[in-house]
C-alpha atoms as a PDB file:
ATOM      1  CA  UNK A   1      -0.242   0.053  -0.476  1.00  0.00           C
ATOM      2  CA  UNK A   2       1.463   3.399  -1.011  1.00  0.00           C
ATOM      3  CA  UNK A   3       1.824   5.585   1.596  1.00  0.00           C
ATOM      4  CA  UNK A   4      -0.250   9.041   1.401  1.00  0.00           C
ATOM      5  CA  UNK A   5      -1.935  11.620   2.995  1.00  0.00           C
ATOM      6  CA  UNK A   6      -5.223  10.387   4.965  1.00  0.00           C
ATOM      7  CA  UNK A   7      -3.817   6.299   5.500  1.00  0.00           C
ATOM      8  CA  UNK A   8      -3.274   4.911   8.366  1.00  0.00           C
ATOM      9  CA  UNK A   9       0.254   4.426   8.808  1.00  0.00           C
ATOM     10  CA  UNK A  10       1.677   0.911   8.345  1.00  0.00           C
ATOM     11  CA  UNK A  11       4.584  -0.679  10.454  1.00  0.00           C
ATOM     12  CA  UNK A  12       6.300  -1.237   7.303  1.00  0.00           C
ATOM     13  CA  UNK A  13       5.889   2.172   6.509  1.00  0.00           C
ATOM     14  CA  UNK A  14       7.024   3.307  10.095  1.00  0.00           C
ATOM     15  CA  UNK A  15      10.247   1.134   9.895  1.00  0.00           C
ATOM     16  CA  UNK A  16      11.162   2.276   6.725  1.00  0.00           C
ATOM     17  CA  UNK A  17      11.442   6.336   7.970  1.00  0.00           C
ATOM     18  CA  UNK A  18      12.915   4.758  11.334  1.00  0.00           C
ATOM     19  CA  UNK A  19      15.441   2.416   9.447  1.00  0.00           C
ATOM     20  CA  UNK A  20      15.124   2.287   6.058  1.00  0.00           C
ATOM     21  CA  UNK A  21      13.641  -0.877   5.339  1.00  0.00           C
ATOM     22  CA  UNK A  22      10.666  -3.288   7.101  1.00  0.00           C
ATOM     23  CA  UNK A  23      13.508  -5.720   7.812  1.00  0.00           C
ATOM     24  CA  UNK A  24      17.157  -5.096   8.108  1.00  0.00           C
ATOM     25  CA  UNK A  25      18.306  -1.745   7.761  1.00  0.00           C
ATOM     26  CA  UNK A  26      18.892   0.024   4.580  1.00  0.00           C
ATOM     27  CA  UNK A  27      21.590   2.694   4.667  1.00  0.00           C
ATOM     28  CA  UNK A  28      20.622   3.596   1.164  1.00  0.00           C
ATOM     29  CA  UNK A  29      17.217   4.318   1.711  1.00  0.00           C
ATOM     30  CA  UNK A  30      16.684   7.886   3.432  1.00  0.00           C
ATOM     31  CA  UNK A  31      15.876   7.307   7.126  1.00  0.00           C
ATOM     32  CA  UNK A  32      16.487   9.003  10.893  1.00  0.00           C
ATOM     33  CA  UNK A  33      18.747   6.082  12.201  1.00  0.00           C
ATOM     34  CA  UNK A  34      21.287   6.008   9.707  1.00  0.00           C
ATOM     35  CA  UNK A  35      22.096   9.322   9.866  1.00  0.00           C
ATOM     36  CA  UNK A  36      21.270   9.686  13.989  1.00  0.00           C
ATOM     37  CA  UNK A  37      23.544   6.114  14.337  1.00  0.00           C
ATOM     38  CA  UNK A  38      26.426   4.407  13.379  1.00  0.00           C
ATOM     39  CA  UNK A  39      25.327   5.087   9.572  1.00  0.00           C
ATOM     40  CA  UNK A  40      27.850   3.927   7.126  1.00  0.00           C
ATOM     41  CA  UNK A  41      30.435   6.155   5.498  1.00  0.00           C
ATOM     42  CA  UNK A  42      29.123   9.639   5.363  1.00  0.00           C
ATOM     43  CA  UNK A  43      25.664   8.742   6.818  1.00  0.00           C
ATOM     44  CA  UNK A  44      26.032   8.936  10.732  1.00  0.00           C
ATOM     45  CA  UNK A  45      26.646  10.890  13.835  1.00  0.00           C
ATOM     46  CA  UNK A  46      27.330   8.036  15.939  1.00  0.00           C
ATOM     47  CA  UNK A  47      24.825   8.514  18.736  1.00  0.00           C
ATOM     48  CA  UNK A  48      23.977   5.057  20.173  1.00  0.00           C
ATOM     49  CA  UNK A  49      19.775   6.413  21.291  1.00  0.00           C
ATOM     50  CA  UNK A  50      18.664   5.064  17.924  1.00  0.00           C
ATOM     51  CA  UNK A  51      14.678   4.639  17.535  1.00  0.00           C
ATOM     52  CA  UNK A  52      13.130   0.935  17.615  1.00  0.00           C
ATOM     53  CA  UNK A  53      11.442  -0.479  14.753  1.00  0.00           C
ATOM     54  CA  UNK A  54       7.676  -1.837  15.500  1.00  0.00           C
ATOM     55  CA  UNK A  55       6.990  -5.584  15.132  1.00  0.00           C
ATOM     56  CA  UNK A  56       4.329  -6.609  12.106  1.00  0.00           C
ATOM     57  CA  UNK A  57       1.427  -6.450  12.791  1.00  0.00           C
ATOM     58  CA  UNK A  58       1.642  -3.984  15.856  1.00  0.00           C
ATOM     59  CA  UNK A  59      -0.397  -0.756  16.509  1.00  0.00           C
ATOM     60  CA  UNK A  60       1.815   2.411  16.085  1.00  0.00           C
ATOM     61  CA  UNK A  61       1.331   4.517  19.360  1.00  0.00           C
ATOM     62  CA  UNK A  62       1.121   7.819  19.318  1.00  0.00           C
ATOM     63  CA  UNK A  63       4.605   7.952  21.769  1.00  0.00           C
ATOM     64  CA  UNK A  64       6.259   5.984  18.867  1.00  0.00           C
ATOM     65  CA  UNK A  65       4.919   8.639  15.937  1.00  0.00           C
ATOM     66  CA  UNK A  66       6.099  11.780  18.263  1.00  0.00           C
ATOM     67  CA  UNK A  67       9.582  10.084  18.660  1.00  0.00           C
ATOM     68  CA  UNK A  68       9.958  10.009  14.820  1.00  0.00           C
ATOM     69  CA  UNK A  69       8.937  13.207  14.262  1.00  0.00           C
ATOM     70  CA  UNK A  70      10.979  14.626  17.244  1.00  0.00           C
ATOM     71  CA  UNK A  71      14.006  12.685  16.202  1.00  0.00           C
ATOM     72  CA  UNK A  72      13.683  14.634  12.328  1.00  0.00           C
ATOM     73  CA  UNK A  73      13.202  17.748  14.231  1.00  0.00           C
ATOM     74  CA  UNK A  74      16.411  17.536  16.502  1.00  0.00           C
ATOM     75  CA  UNK A  75      18.378  16.451  13.461  1.00  0.00           C
ATOM     76  CA  UNK A  76      17.237  19.187  11.294  1.00  0.00           C
ATOM     77  CA  UNK A  77      18.075  21.452  14.296  1.00  0.00           C
ATOM     78  CA  UNK A  78      21.952  20.330  14.322  1.00  0.00           C
ATOM     79  CA  UNK A  79      21.968  20.868  10.442  1.00  0.00           C
ATOM     80  CA  UNK A  80      19.968  24.137  10.537  1.00  0.00           C
ATOM     81  CA  UNK A  81      17.565  22.626   8.098  1.00  0.00           C
ATOM     82  CA  UNK A  82      13.936  24.195   7.454  1.00  0.00           C
ATOM     83  CA  UNK A  83      11.494  21.033   7.761  1.00  0.00           C
ATOM     84  CA  UNK A  84       7.563  21.189   6.797  1.00  0.00           C
ATOM     85  CA  UNK A  85       6.044  21.596  10.414  1.00  0.00           C
ATOM     86  CA  UNK A  86       4.074  18.405  11.371  1.00  0.00           C
ATOM     87  CA  UNK A  87       1.706  18.144  14.406  1.00  0.00           C
ATOM     88  CA  UNK A  88       2.380  15.711  16.982  1.00  0.00           C
ATOM     89  CA  UNK A  89      -0.339  13.411  17.841  1.00  0.00           C
ATOM     90  CA  UNK A  90      -1.410  12.598  21.059  1.00  0.00           C
ATOM     91  CA  UNK A  91      -2.575   9.335  22.464  1.00  0.00           C
ATOM     92  CA  UNK A  92      -6.062   8.264  21.408  1.00  0.00           C
ATOM     93  CA  UNK A  93      -5.374   9.670  18.264  1.00  0.00           C
ATOM     94  CA  UNK A  94      -5.499   7.562  14.879  1.00  0.00           C
ATOM     95  CA  UNK A  95      -2.175   8.245  13.340  1.00  0.00           C
ATOM     96  CA  UNK A  96      -2.720   9.033   9.424  1.00  0.00           C
ATOM     97  CA  UNK A  97       0.080   9.420   7.130  1.00  0.00           C
ATOM     98  CA  UNK A  98       1.543  12.999   6.581  1.00  0.00           C
ATOM     99  CA  UNK A  99       2.558  14.094   3.011  1.00  0.00           C
ATOM    100  CA  UNK A 100       5.683  16.171   4.425  1.00  0.00           C
ATOM    101  CA  UNK A 101       6.909  13.414   5.869  1.00  0.00           C
ATOM    102  CA  UNK A 102       8.839  11.779   3.710  1.00  0.00           C
ATOM    103  CA  UNK A 103      10.299  14.553   2.238  1.00  0.00           C
ATOM    104  CA  UNK A 104      11.197  16.248   5.048  1.00  0.00           C
ATOM    105  CA  UNK A 105      13.526  12.557   6.103  1.00  0.00           C
ATOM    106  CA  UNK A 106      14.715  12.913   2.375  1.00  0.00           C
ATOM    107  CA  UNK A 107      15.852  16.799   2.957  1.00  0.00           C
ATOM    108  CA  UNK A 108      17.483  15.933   6.002  1.00  0.00           C
ATOM    109  CA  UNK A 109      19.296  12.514   4.266  1.00  0.00           C
ATOM    110  CA  UNK A 110      20.374  15.248   1.469  1.00  0.00           C
ATOM    111  CA  UNK A 111      21.801  17.603   3.879  1.00  0.00           C
ATOM    112  CA  UNK A 112      23.229  15.427   6.056  1.00  0.00           C
ATOM    113  CA  UNK A 113      26.570  16.928   5.959  1.00  0.00           C
ATOM    114  CA  UNK A 114      25.442  20.336   7.299  1.00  0.00           C
ATOM    115  CA  UNK A 115      26.239  21.650  10.560  1.00  0.00           C
ATOM    116  CA  UNK A 116      24.393  24.683  11.913  1.00  0.00           C
ATOM    117  CA  UNK A 117      27.298  25.522  14.457  1.00  0.00           C
ATOM    118  CA  UNK A 118      30.434  24.330  15.430  1.00  0.00           C
ATOM    119  CA  UNK A 119      32.033  22.993  18.865  1.00  0.00           C
ATOM    120  CA  UNK A 120      34.848  24.210  20.623  1.00  0.00           C
ATOM    121  CA  UNK A 121      38.315  24.342  18.961  1.00  0.00           C
ATOM    122  CA  UNK A 122      40.889  21.900  19.761  1.00  0.00           C
ATOM    123  CA  UNK A 123      44.512  23.350  20.040  1.00  0.00           C
ATOM    124  CA  UNK A 124      46.665  21.764  21.891  1.00  0.00           C
ATOM    125  CA  UNK A 125      50.113  20.816  20.256  1.00  0.00           C
ATOM    126  CA  UNK A 126      48.248  22.578  17.532  1.00  0.00           C
ATOM    127  CA  UNK A 127      51.259  25.671  16.928  1.00  0.00           C
ATOM    128  CA  UNK A 128      54.746  25.133  15.662  1.00  0.00           C
ATOM    129  CA  UNK A 129      56.816  28.239  15.846  1.00  0.00           C
ATOM    130  CA  UNK A 130      60.711  28.398  14.924  1.00  0.00           C
ATOM    131  CA  UNK A 131      63.149  31.037  14.799  1.00  0.00           C
ATOM    132  CA  UNK A 132      65.794  29.526  12.740  1.00  0.00           C
ATOM    133  CA  UNK A 133      66.912  31.355   9.414  1.00  0.00           C
ATOM    134  CA  UNK A 134      66.488  29.183   6.010  1.00  0.00           C
ATOM    135  CA  UNK A 135      66.844  29.742   2.518  1.00  0.00           C
ATOM    136  CA  UNK A 136      65.887  26.216   0.842  1.00  0.00           C
ATOM    137  CA  UNK A 137      62.922  25.027   2.593  1.00  0.00           C
ATOM    138  CA  UNK A 138      61.236  25.021   6.317  1.00  0.00           C
ATOM    139  CA  UNK A 139      58.955  22.117   6.461  1.00  0.00           C
ATOM    140  CA  UNK A 140      56.420  20.665   9.041  1.00  0.00           C
ATOM    141  CA  UNK A 141      54.541  17.294   9.210  1.00  0.00           C
ATOM    142  CA  UNK A 142      51.569  17.531  11.385  1.00  0.00           C
ATOM    143  CA  UNK A 143      49.081  14.277  12.517  1.00  0.00           C
ATOM    144  CA  UNK A 144      45.282  14.460  13.828  1.00  0.00           C
ATOM    145  CA  UNK A 145      44.500  11.316  15.141  1.00  0.00           C
ATOM    146  CA  UNK A 146      41.161   9.878  15.927  1.00  0.00           C
ATOM    147  CA  UNK A 147      40.305   6.895  18.244  1.00  0.00           C
ATOM    148  CA  UNK A 148      38.991   5.008  15.263  1.00  0.00           C
ATOM    149  CA  UNK A 149      37.743   5.162  11.689  1.00  0.00           C
ATOM    150  CA  UNK A 150      34.315   5.770  13.180  1.00  0.00           C
ATOM    151  CA  UNK A 151      35.466   8.497  15.099  1.00  0.00           C
ATOM    152  CA  UNK A 152      36.802  10.002  12.332  1.00  0.00           C
ATOM    153  CA  UNK A 153      33.597   9.450  10.245  1.00  0.00           C
ATOM    154  CA  UNK A 154      31.398  10.627  12.989  1.00  0.00           C
ATOM    155  CA  UNK A 155      33.320  13.636  13.198  1.00  0.00           C
ATOM    156  CA  UNK A 156      33.146  14.622   9.443  1.00  0.00           C
ATOM    157  CA  UNK A 157      29.958  13.399   9.158  1.00  0.00           C
ATOM    158  CA  UNK A 158      28.428  15.919  12.121  1.00  0.00           C
ATOM    159  CA  UNK A 159      30.242  18.750  10.233  1.00  0.00           C
ATOM    160  CA  UNK A 160      33.679  18.671  11.785  1.00  0.00           C
ATOM    161  CA  UNK A 161      36.758  20.282  10.408  1.00  0.00           C
ATOM    162  CA  UNK A 162      40.793  20.540   9.846  1.00  0.00           C
ATOM    163  CA  UNK A 163      42.176  24.077   9.366  1.00  0.00           C
ATOM    164  CA  UNK A 164      45.733  24.783   8.516  1.00  0.00           C
ATOM    165  CA  UNK A 165      47.761  28.136   8.148  1.00  0.00           C
ATOM    166  CA  UNK A 166      50.892  29.563   8.294  1.00  0.00           C
ATOM    167  CA  UNK A 167      52.348  33.099   9.090  1.00  0.00           C
ATOM    168  CA  UNK A 168      55.913  34.737   9.175  1.00  0.00           C
ATOM    169  CA  UNK A 169      56.416  37.726  11.805  1.00  0.00           C
ATOM    170  CA  UNK A 170      58.917  39.836  13.506  1.00  0.00           C
ATOM    171  CA  UNK A 171      61.203  39.664  10.415  1.00  0.00           C
ATOM    172  CA  UNK A 172      64.326  41.972   9.973  1.00  0.00           C
ATOM    173  CA  UNK A 173      62.528  43.935   7.017  1.00  0.00           C
ATOM    174  CA  UNK A 174      64.687  42.128   4.389  1.00  0.00           C
ATOM    175  CA  UNK A 175      62.720  41.879   0.766  1.00  0.00           C
ATOM    176  CA  UNK A 176      62.926  38.260   0.764  1.00  0.00           C
ATOM    177  CA  UNK A 177      61.477  37.624   4.394  1.00  0.00           C
ATOM    178  CA  UNK A 178      58.760  40.164   3.773  1.00  0.00           C
ATOM    179  CA  UNK A 179      57.871  38.329   0.377  1.00  0.00           C
ATOM    180  CA  UNK A 180      57.212  35.162   2.340  1.00  0.00           C
ATOM    181  CA  UNK A 181      55.471  36.833   5.421  1.00  0.00           C
ATOM    182  CA  UNK A 182      52.954  38.289   2.501  1.00  0.00           C
ATOM    183  CA  UNK A 183      52.715  35.334   0.729  1.00  0.00           C
ATOM    184  CA  UNK A 184      51.909  32.919   3.756  1.00  0.00           C
ATOM    185  CA  UNK A 185      49.155  35.956   4.666  1.00  0.00           C
ATOM    186  CA  UNK A 186      47.409  35.132   1.248  1.00  0.00           C
ATOM    187  CA  UNK A 187      47.140  31.315   1.906  1.00  0.00           C
ATOM    188  CA  UNK A 188      44.503  32.255   4.172  1.00  0.00           C
ATOM    189  CA  UNK A 189      43.326  29.253   6.103  1.00  0.00           C
ATOM    190  CA  UNK A 190      42.601  25.636   4.209  1.00  0.00           C
ATOM    191  CA  UNK A 191      39.970  24.214   5.738  1.00  0.00           C
ATOM    192  CA  UNK A 192      39.696  20.316   5.220  1.00  0.00           C
ATOM    193  CA  UNK A 193      35.726  18.406   5.673  1.00  0.00           C
ATOM    194  CA  UNK A 194      34.386  15.271   4.537  1.00  0.00           C
ATOM    195  CA  UNK A 195      34.619  15.706   1.080  1.00  0.00           C
ATOM    196  CA  UNK A 196      32.057  13.402  -0.569  1.00  0.00           C
ATOM    197  CA  UNK A 197      29.541  16.810  -1.468  1.00  0.00           C
ATOM    198  CA  UNK A 198      29.276  20.532  -0.345  1.00  0.00           C
ATOM    199  CA  UNK A 199      28.790  21.114   3.295  1.00  0.00           C
ATOM    200  CA  UNK A 200      27.289  24.115   4.404  1.00  0.00           C
ATOM    201  CA  UNK A 201      29.051  24.562   8.413  1.00  0.00           C
ATOM    202  CA  UNK A 202      28.128  27.709  10.200  1.00  0.00           C
ATOM    203  CA  UNK A 203      27.319  29.231   7.647  1.00  0.00           C
ATOM    204  CA  UNK A 204      29.843  28.705   5.559  1.00  0.00           C
ATOM    205  CA  UNK A 205      30.239  26.308   2.660  1.00  0.00           C
ATOM    206  CA  UNK A 206      33.126  23.861   2.179  1.00  0.00           C
ATOM    207  CA  UNK A 207      33.745  21.277  -0.300  1.00  0.00           C
ATOM    208  CA  UNK A 208      36.428  19.265   0.911  1.00  0.00           C
ATOM    209  CA  UNK A 209      39.422  21.464   0.590  1.00  0.00           C
ATOM    210  CA  UNK A 210      38.359  25.249   0.691  1.00  0.00           C
ATOM    211  CA  UNK A 211      40.672  27.741   1.045  1.00  0.00           C
ATOM    212  CA  UNK A 212      39.555  30.472   3.506  1.00  0.00           C
ATOM    213  CA  UNK A 213      40.801  34.324   3.632  1.00  0.00           C
ATOM    214  CA  UNK A 214      43.855  35.301   2.405  1.00  0.00           C
ATOM    215  CA  UNK A 215      44.217  36.464  -1.280  1.00  0.00           C
ATOM    216  CA  UNK A 216      45.781  35.436  -4.574  1.00  0.00           C
ATOM    217  CA  UNK A 217      45.289  32.185  -6.476  1.00  0.00           C
ATOM    218  CA  UNK A 218      46.248  28.813  -5.418  1.00  0.00           C
ATOM    219  CA  UNK A 219      48.280  26.617  -8.467  1.00  0.00           C
ATOM    220  CA  UNK A 220      46.598  23.817  -6.520  1.00  0.00           C
ATOM    221  CA  UNK A 221      43.302  23.834  -4.752  1.00  0.00           C
ATOM    222  CA  UNK A 222      41.495  20.355  -5.067  1.00  0.00           C
ATOM    223  CA  UNK A 223      38.034  21.404  -4.000  1.00  0.00           C
ATOM    224  CA  UNK A 224      37.051  17.804  -4.142  1.00  0.00           C
ATOM    225  CA  UNK A 225      39.013  16.278  -1.911  1.00  0.00           C
ATOM    226  CA  UNK A 226      38.108  15.757   1.656  1.00  0.00           C
ATOM    227  CA  UNK A 227      38.570  12.619   4.152  1.00  0.00           C
ATOM    228  CA  UNK A 228      36.366  10.602   2.402  1.00  0.00           C
ATOM    229  CA  UNK A 229      37.994  11.115  -1.007  1.00  0.00           C
ATOM    230  CA  UNK A 230      41.237   9.462   0.670  1.00  0.00           C
ATOM    231  CA  UNK A 231      42.291   5.953  -0.400  1.00  0.00           C
ATOM    232  CA  UNK A 232      43.468   4.620   2.991  1.00  0.00           C
ATOM    233  CA  UNK A 233      47.028   3.643   3.754  1.00  0.00           C
ATOM    234  CA  UNK A 234      47.748   5.395  -0.242  1.00  0.00           C
ATOM    235  CA  UNK A 235      50.771   8.024  -0.944  1.00  0.00           C
ATOM    236  CA  UNK A 236      50.119  11.564  -0.105  1.00  0.00           C
ATOM    237  CA  UNK A 237      47.946  13.800  -2.426  1.00  0.00           C
ATOM    238  CA  UNK A 238      48.773  17.806  -3.183  1.00  0.00           C
ATOM    239  CA  UNK A 239      45.785  19.269  -1.912  1.00  0.00           C
ATOM    240  CA  UNK A 240      46.779  23.149  -1.902  1.00  0.00           C
ATOM    241  CA  UNK A 241      49.768  24.942  -4.070  1.00  0.00           C
ATOM    242  CA  UNK A 242      50.564  28.517  -4.024  1.00  0.00           C
ATOM    243  CA  UNK A 243      53.481  30.916  -5.477  1.00  0.00           C
ATOM    244  CA  UNK A 244      54.289  34.217  -4.221  1.00  0.00           C
ATOM    245  CA  UNK A 245      53.563  36.925  -6.433  1.00  0.00           C
ATOM    246  CA  UNK A 246      56.546  39.804  -6.357  1.00  0.00           C
ATOM    247  CA  UNK A 247      60.012  39.577  -8.372  1.00  0.00           C
ATOM    248  CA  UNK A 248      62.221  38.196  -7.930  1.00  0.00           C
ATOM    249  CA  UNK A 249      60.545  35.608  -5.758  1.00  0.00           C
ATOM    250  CA  UNK A 250      57.626  34.299  -7.478  1.00  0.00           C
ATOM    251  CA  UNK A 251      59.255  30.743  -7.885  1.00  0.00           C
ATOM    252  CA  UNK A 252      58.686  30.771  -3.843  1.00  0.00           C
ATOM    253  CA  UNK A 253      55.789  28.516  -3.231  1.00  0.00           C
ATOM    254  CA  UNK A 254      53.609  26.902  -0.565  1.00  0.00           C
ATOM    255  CA  UNK A 255      52.426  22.963  -0.795  1.00  0.00           C
ATOM    256  CA  UNK A 256      50.007  21.219   1.354  1.00  0.00           C
ATOM    257  CA  UNK A 257      49.589  17.234   1.465  1.00  0.00           C
ATOM    258  CA  UNK A 258      47.260  15.223   3.011  1.00  0.00           C
ATOM    259  CA  UNK A 259      47.205  11.843   3.567  1.00  0.00           C
ATOM    260  CA  UNK A 260      45.261   8.559   5.380  1.00  0.00           C
ATOM    261  CA  UNK A 261      46.643   6.022   7.236  1.00  0.00           C
ATOM    262  CA  UNK A 262      45.310   2.121   6.810  1.00  0.00           C
ATOM    263  CA  UNK A 263      43.175   2.077   9.720  1.00  0.00           C
ATOM    264  CA  UNK A 264      41.496   5.475   8.472  1.00  0.00           C
ATOM    265  CA  UNK A 265      42.232   7.265  11.975  1.00  0.00           C
ATOM    266  CA  UNK A 266      45.053   9.162  11.278  1.00  0.00           C
ATOM    267  CA  UNK A 267      45.526  12.225   9.029  1.00  0.00           C
ATOM    268  CA  UNK A 268      48.831  13.373   7.847  1.00  0.00           C
ATOM    269  CA  UNK A 269      49.446  16.715   6.382  1.00  0.00           C
ATOM    270  CA  UNK A 270      52.863  18.021   5.295  1.00  0.00           C
ATOM    271  CA  UNK A 271      53.466  21.870   5.387  1.00  0.00           C
ATOM    272  CA  UNK A 272      56.417  22.772   3.103  1.00  0.00           C
ATOM    273  CA  UNK A 273      57.587  26.102   2.451  1.00  0.00           C
ATOM    274  CA  UNK A 274      60.007  25.962  -1.016  1.00  0.00           C
ATOM    275  CA  UNK A 275      62.476  29.306  -1.292  1.00  0.00           C
ATOM    276  CA  UNK A 276      63.198  28.026  -4.320  1.00  0.00           C
ATOM    277  CA  UNK A 277      63.963  31.611  -6.187  1.00  0.00           C
ATOM    278  CA  UNK A 278      67.468  32.765  -7.216  1.00  0.00           C
ATOM    279  CA  UNK A 279      69.057  34.443  -4.195  1.00  0.00           C
ATOM    280  CA  UNK A 280      70.116  37.953  -5.550  1.00  0.00           C
ATOM    281  CA  UNK A 281      69.157  40.581  -2.896  1.00  0.00           C
ATOM    282  CA  UNK A 282      71.274  40.674   0.578  1.00  0.00           C
ATOM    283  CA  UNK A 283      68.869  41.958   3.410  1.00  0.00           C
ATOM    284  CA  UNK A 284      70.583  45.148   3.832  1.00  0.00           C
ATOM    285  CA  UNK A 285      69.458  46.321   0.221  1.00  0.00           C
ATOM    286  CA  UNK A 286      73.141  46.402  -1.048  1.00  0.00           C
ATOM    287  CA  UNK A 287      72.958  43.504  -2.882  1.00  0.00           C
ATOM    288  CA  UNK A 288      76.447  42.484  -1.682  1.00  0.00           C
ATOM    289  CA  UNK A 289      76.089  38.704  -0.314  1.00  0.00           C
ATOM    290  CA  UNK A 290      73.762  36.188  -1.845  1.00  0.00           C
ATOM    291  CA  UNK A 291      74.571  34.239   1.265  1.00  0.00           C
ATOM    292  CA  UNK A 292      72.893  36.444   3.211  1.00  0.00           C
ATOM    293  CA  UNK A 293      69.601  36.370   1.196  1.00  0.00           C
ATOM    294  CA  UNK A 294      67.713  33.905   3.926  1.00  0.00           C
ATOM    295  CA  UNK A 295      64.551  34.102   5.515  1.00  0.00           C
ATOM    296  CA  UNK A 296      64.261  35.245   9.323  1.00  0.00           C
ATOM    297  CA  UNK A 297      61.879  36.103  11.793  1.00  0.00           C
ATOM    298  CA  UNK A 298      58.990  33.611  13.793  1.00  0.00           C
ATOM    299  CA  UNK A 299      57.791  31.180  11.673  1.00  0.00           C
ATOM    300  CA  UNK A 300      54.590  29.388  12.269  1.00  0.00           C
ATOM    301  CA  UNK A 301      52.317  27.085  11.319  1.00  0.00           C
ATOM    302  CA  UNK A 302      48.709  26.332  13.204  1.00  0.00           C
ATOM    303  CA  UNK A 303      46.747  23.764  13.101  1.00  0.00           C
ATOM    304  CA  UNK A 304      43.436  23.713  14.353  1.00  0.00           C
ATOM    305  CA  UNK A 305      40.695  20.749  14.860  1.00  0.00           C
ATOM    306  CA  UNK A 306      37.382  21.809  15.016  1.00  0.00           C
ATOM    307  CA  UNK A 307      34.929  19.674  16.256  1.00  0.00           C
ATOM    308  CA  UNK A 308      30.743  19.460  15.344  1.00  0.00           C
ATOM    309  CA  UNK A 309      28.673  21.304  17.914  1.00  0.00           C
ATOM    310  CA  UNK A 310      26.747  18.447  20.176  1.00  0.00           C
ATOM    311  CA  UNK A 311      24.290  20.495  21.082  1.00  0.00           C
ATOM    312  CA  UNK A 312      21.428  18.987  19.533  1.00  0.00           C
ATOM    313  CA  UNK A 313      23.291  15.436  20.194  1.00  0.00           C
ATOM    314  CA  UNK A 314      23.638  12.932  23.080  1.00  0.00           C
ATOM    315  CA  UNK A 315      27.207  12.376  23.164  1.00  0.00           C
ATOM    316  CA  UNK A 316      30.242  13.660  21.254  1.00  0.00           C
ATOM    317  CA  UNK A 317      30.819  10.331  19.641  1.00  0.00           C
ATOM    318  CA  UNK A 318      34.263  11.787  17.529  1.00  0.00           C
ATOM    319  CA  UNK A 319      35.671  11.542  21.220  1.00  0.00           C
ATOM    320  CA  UNK A 320      38.341  14.016  21.205  1.00  0.00           C
ATOM    321  CA  UNK A 321      41.197  13.987  18.233  1.00  0.00           C
ATOM    322  CA  UNK A 322      44.454  14.618  18.856  1.00  0.00           C
ATOM    323  CA  UNK A 323      47.430  16.803  17.041  1.00  0.00           C
ATOM    324  CA  UNK A 324      50.950  15.699  17.190  1.00  0.00           C
ATOM    325  CA  UNK A 325      54.093  17.936  18.803  1.00  0.00           C
ATOM    326  CA  UNK A 326      56.580  18.801  16.288  1.00  0.00           C
ATOM    327  CA  UNK A 327      58.813  21.114  14.691  1.00  0.00           C
ATOM    328  CA  UNK A 328      59.902  22.676  12.025  1.00  0.00           C
ATOM    329  CA  UNK A 329      62.819  20.832   9.651  1.00  0.00           C
ATOM    330  CA  UNK A 330      64.692  23.688   7.580  1.00  0.00           C
ATOM    331  CA  UNK A 331      67.007  23.351   5.054  1.00  0.00           C
ATOM    332  CA  UNK A 332      69.465  25.990   3.847  1.00  0.00           C
END
């Protein structure tokens, strides 16, 4: 029997709304438990308080109906999704099909990567800072570790992201160092999200690898590459590259790579500053010493883990991701 307004809702139809099928769970069909519970791949917030199905031939109570409608509203609040309003029934009512319900659940399924708000940033071990001079490269390797592959899934599914940026401050004022400070500022912040589709998080659209702020034009920006686009255990992927825009340093560039370990629980990022331009200008402006054409000042790289908001969730099933404590590796 087709589900339509005016019909009394059947147990099979109710169970399909709850778990995607009358019998076994079907994660490919829009339903609330796949979104709320463990789900699969880019579906699932990891919550244990999933709805129960009803037995064949059972009468669906007003309470069960209200629980289903309330769960839809809770997921919508987490996502920032607007649903067509459905009035909760009360005990003794005959529960009939509502035309909006199927559409509402489909909308929630489509918007599953969205989040109305972020949680509080995790910054422990987030900043790598150094003051050594260099004129070939300065590279640092950052890792973000989750308790498990599922914890990583829940993090990205519920709207989490990883943000990376760098800066150079306190230079002596030489042309090379000033241009490096300018380039790092132009790179803005590189944000990593789930990546299977555009996610709107706290009002901003993200597409896997997204540059926020800064200026200039990257030569590489893999806007379709996020957590789910990586092959576990495979070689690193270059997700961002941007060159300096002022002569004679236009060969200098920043690059960022990303890799996922074989367990799908550790993301590794390598932020590299490569000073490939020919050294021609001394810091004092006289042009008398190519060897003095080095980068100085305080070089910092900041990695921030920005978890989803758990305001509308029962628990933060992704746990607390951790970052490694590391340093810069300089080459001159």
